[in-house]
Amino acid sequence: MGCSVTFHDRIGRDRLEEAVEPLDADAALELIRSAVCETVHTAIGKSATEVELTLAGDAEMERLNFDHMGERGPTDVLSFPLHEWALDGRQSHLTDDDGASPPGPLLLGDVVIDLDQALRQAAEGDWGITEEVVLLAIHGTLHLLGHDHAEMDEEERMRGLEHQVLGILHRRHRDVAWQPGSLFDRAGHAVTTGS
C-alpha cells in the first residue's frame, strides 16, 4: 500500500528551478512528495492514498483564498479535503459517514501552496524555500486529514505531528542541504515556523 502525489504546476518549471536552487526541480518535487506521504503515513497509516498538490503563485492563491475562505490577499497553503475525519490523539480516522473504503487508493483531496508567499516566509524566517515548502506540504496534508489549529490543544497536536514528520524527513534525506538555522537544528530536531 502506498501514497501517490499528483503535482499540478501553475508557476512554470523555470520559476520552480529558480526558487529551489541549488536543489533541482525534480529533487524538490520528490522531497515534497516524500513530505506528503510521510505525513499521511504518520496520521493514518500506510493505506493506499492519493493527494493532488498544486504549486501556484499569488494571483491564483488570492482568488482561491477569496472564493473559498472569504479572505482577501494570498495565503501560504490551502487544503480541500474530500472526507470527514475524526481524530484519536494524533491518528485520523474516517468518520462513519465516510468510512467505506473505495476500491483502489483513497483520494484525500487537494493541497495548494503559494510559492510566492513561501518565498517571502522563507526570507522572513531566514531559511530556505525548500524547507518552507516542505513544511507547507506537511501542514496542508494534515488539514486534509482533519487536523486544525483553531484551539491551543489542536495546534499543539498539529505542531507535534509536523515536528515528527520533519525529523523523519531530515534523517531520511541527508542528501538535502538543509540550511543551518532553518526548520531543523543541528541535531536533526524539527523546528516549526509557526505558520
Protein backbone atom coordinates (compact mmCIF):
# COMPACT_ATOMS: atom_id res chain seq x y z
CA MET A 1 0.00 0.00 0.00
CA GLY A 2 1.37 3.38 -0.87
CA CYS A 3 0.82 7.02 -1.26
CA SER A 4 0.90 8.88 -4.54
CA VAL A 5 1.05 12.61 -5.17
CA THR A 6 -0.06 14.23 -8.41
CA PHE A 7 1.57 17.61 -8.98
CA HIS A 8 -0.08 20.48 -10.83
CA ASP A 9 2.29 23.22 -11.93
CA ARG A 10 0.78 26.70 -12.15
CA ILE A 11 4.10 28.55 -11.81
CA GLY A 12 6.26 27.03 -14.54
CA ARG A 13 9.29 24.80 -14.35
CA ASP A 14 11.77 27.68 -14.69
CA ARG A 15 10.24 29.51 -11.72
CA LEU A 16 10.41 26.37 -9.58
CA GLU A 17 14.02 25.70 -10.63
CA GLU A 18 14.99 29.27 -9.73
CA ALA A 19 13.23 29.12 -6.36
CA VAL A 20 14.72 25.84 -5.12
CA GLU A 21 18.34 26.33 -6.25
CA PRO A 22 20.75 24.68 -5.58
CA LEU A 23 18.32 21.74 -5.47
CA ASP A 24 16.93 20.85 -8.89
CA ALA A 25 13.19 20.87 -9.50
CA ASP A 26 12.84 17.07 -9.69
CA ALA A 27 14.64 16.64 -6.36
CA ALA A 28 12.44 19.33 -4.80
CA LEU A 29 9.27 17.67 -6.08
CA GLU A 30 10.47 14.30 -4.76
CA LEU A 31 11.12 15.88 -1.37
CA ILE A 32 7.62 17.43 -1.36
CA ARG A 33 6.13 14.05 -2.36
CA SER A 34 8.05 12.41 0.46
CA ALA A 35 6.77 15.04 2.92
CA VAL A 36 3.15 14.49 1.89
CA CYS A 37 3.41 10.71 2.01
CA GLU A 38 5.25 10.62 5.32
CA THR A 39 2.56 12.88 6.77
CA VAL A 40 -0.19 10.56 5.51
CA HIS A 41 1.63 7.50 6.88
CA THR A 42 2.12 9.18 10.25
CA ALA A 43 -1.51 10.31 10.55
CA ILE A 44 -3.45 7.35 9.08
CA GLY A 45 -1.02 4.51 8.43
CA LYS A 46 0.18 3.01 5.19
CA SER A 47 -3.15 2.85 3.38
CA ALA A 48 -3.25 3.37 -0.38
CA THR A 49 -3.88 7.08 -0.82
CA GLU A 50 -3.65 9.88 -3.37
CA VAL A 51 -3.11 13.60 -2.88
CA GLU A 52 -3.31 16.33 -5.51
CA LEU A 53 -0.79 19.13 -4.90
CA THR A 54 -0.69 22.41 -6.82
CA LEU A 55 2.17 24.90 -6.80
CA ALA A 56 0.62 28.29 -7.51
CA GLY A 57 1.55 31.97 -7.40
CA ASP A 58 0.00 34.90 -5.57
CA ALA A 59 -2.65 35.72 -8.18
CA GLU A 60 -4.19 32.25 -8.19
CA MET A 61 -3.91 31.90 -4.41
CA GLU A 62 -5.58 35.28 -3.85
CA ARG A 63 -8.51 34.14 -5.96
CA LEU A 64 -8.77 30.76 -4.20
CA ASN A 65 -8.44 32.36 -0.77
CA PHE A 66 -11.27 34.79 -1.53
CA ASP A 67 -13.51 32.23 -3.25
CA HIS A 68 -13.17 29.54 -0.58
CA MET A 69 -12.23 31.35 2.63
CA GLY A 70 -13.70 34.80 2.06
CA GLU A 71 -10.28 36.34 2.80
CA ARG A 72 -8.52 38.96 0.69
CA GLY A 73 -4.88 38.52 -0.25
CA PRO A 74 -2.73 35.44 -0.65
CA THR A 75 -2.19 32.76 1.96
CA ASP A 76 0.60 30.22 2.12
CA VAL A 77 -1.38 26.98 1.84
CA LEU A 78 -4.98 25.92 1.32
CA SER A 79 -6.37 22.42 1.72
CA PHE A 80 -9.50 20.99 0.17
CA PRO A 81 -10.31 17.69 1.91
CA LEU A 82 -12.70 15.23 0.32
CA HIS A 83 -13.58 13.37 3.54
CA GLU A 84 -14.63 13.98 7.12
CA TRP A 85 -12.13 12.82 9.72
CA ALA A 86 -12.27 12.07 13.42
CA LEU A 87 -9.12 12.38 15.48
CA ASP A 88 -7.97 9.91 18.10
CA GLY A 89 -4.89 11.56 19.54
CA ARG A 90 -2.64 12.11 16.56
CA GLN A 91 -4.34 9.50 14.39
CA SER A 92 -7.00 10.37 11.82
CA HIS A 93 -9.91 8.02 11.10
CA LEU A 94 -12.65 8.37 8.52
CA THR A 95 -15.97 9.23 10.16
CA ASP A 96 -18.78 6.70 9.96
CA ASP A 97 -20.37 8.57 7.07
CA ASP A 98 -17.09 8.38 5.15
CA GLY A 99 -15.95 5.02 6.49
CA ALA A 100 -16.49 2.85 3.40
CA SER A 101 -13.20 2.42 1.60
CA PRO A 102 -13.45 2.67 -2.17
CA PRO A 103 -11.64 0.16 -4.36
CA GLY A 104 -8.14 1.40 -5.05
CA PRO A 105 -6.39 4.35 -3.44
CA LEU A 106 -8.38 6.81 -1.35
CA LEU A 107 -8.19 10.31 -2.84
CA LEU A 108 -7.68 12.58 0.18
CA GLY A 109 -8.09 15.94 -1.57
CA ASP A 110 -6.10 18.89 -2.83
CA VAL A 111 -3.33 20.99 -1.29
CA VAL A 112 -2.40 24.30 -2.93
CA ILE A 113 0.88 26.01 -1.99
CA ASP A 114 1.62 29.62 -2.90
CA LEU A 115 5.28 29.65 -3.94
CA ASP A 116 5.42 33.47 -3.84
CA GLN A 117 4.19 33.52 -0.23
CA ALA A 118 6.54 30.65 0.65
CA LEU A 119 9.47 32.65 -0.73
CA ARG A 120 8.52 35.64 1.45
CA GLN A 121 8.08 33.49 4.55
CA ALA A 122 11.41 31.73 3.99
CA ALA A 123 13.16 35.09 3.64
CA GLU A 124 11.48 36.39 6.82
CA GLY A 125 12.49 33.26 8.72
CA ASP A 126 16.00 33.24 7.23
CA TRP A 127 15.77 29.66 5.98
CA GLY A 128 15.46 28.08 2.55
CA ILE A 129 12.44 27.92 0.32
CA THR A 130 12.77 24.13 0.21
CA GLU A 131 12.29 23.91 3.97
CA GLU A 132 9.32 26.29 3.83
CA VAL A 133 7.55 24.42 1.01
CA VAL A 134 8.13 21.09 2.77
CA LEU A 135 6.57 22.47 5.96
CA LEU A 136 3.61 23.87 4.00
CA ALA A 137 3.11 20.49 2.29
CA ILE A 138 3.06 18.76 5.68
CA HIS A 139 0.75 21.39 7.15
CA GLY A 140 -1.66 21.26 4.21
CA THR A 141 -1.73 17.46 4.25
CA LEU A 142 -2.56 17.44 7.97
CA HIS A 143 -5.51 19.73 7.19
CA LEU A 144 -6.67 17.17 4.59
CA LEU A 145 -6.69 14.60 7.39
CA GLY A 146 -8.83 16.57 9.82
CA HIS A 147 -6.17 18.38 11.82
CA ASP A 148 -6.62 22.04 12.69
CA HIS A 149 -5.05 24.73 14.86
CA ALA A 150 -8.03 26.83 15.94
CA GLU A 151 -7.69 25.75 19.59
CA MET A 152 -4.47 25.50 21.62
CA ASP A 153 -4.66 21.72 22.08
CA GLU A 154 -5.35 21.22 18.36
CA GLU A 155 -2.38 23.41 17.48
CA GLU A 156 -0.08 21.52 19.86
CA ARG A 157 -1.15 18.19 18.34
CA MET A 158 -0.67 19.51 14.81
CA ARG A 159 2.74 21.05 15.60
CA GLY A 160 3.80 17.78 17.23
CA LEU A 161 2.99 15.88 14.05
CA GLU A 162 4.81 18.48 11.94
CA HIS A 163 7.89 18.10 14.16
CA GLN A 164 7.71 14.32 13.92
CA VAL A 165 7.45 14.29 10.11
CA LEU A 166 10.14 16.96 9.67
CA GLY A 167 12.51 14.94 11.85
CA ILE A 168 11.90 11.80 9.78
CA LEU A 169 12.49 13.71 6.55
CA HIS A 170 15.70 15.24 7.84
CA ARG A 171 17.09 11.82 8.75
CA ARG A 172 15.84 10.19 5.53
CA HIS A 173 17.03 12.96 3.17
CA ARG A 174 20.55 13.66 4.36
CA ASP A 175 21.50 14.50 0.76
CA VAL A 176 19.42 17.69 1.01
CA ALA A 177 21.46 20.70 2.13
CA TRP A 178 19.15 21.71 4.97
CA GLN A 179 20.29 25.18 5.92
CA PRO A 180 21.67 25.68 9.44
CA GLY A 181 19.14 27.63 11.45
CA SER A 182 16.34 26.50 9.18
CA LEU A 183 13.46 24.26 10.18
CA PHE A 184 16.00 21.79 11.53
CA ASP A 185 18.60 22.31 14.18
CA ARG A 186 22.00 20.61 14.04
CA ALA A 187 20.78 17.58 16.00
CA GLY A 188 18.07 16.92 13.42
CA HIS A 189 15.18 18.04 15.59
CA ALA A 190 12.43 19.77 13.70
CA VAL A 191 11.72 23.40 14.48
CA THR A 192 8.45 24.85 13.21
CA THR A 193 7.88 28.30 11.76
CA GLY A 194 4.56 28.74 13.47
CA SER A 195 2.76 29.21 10.16
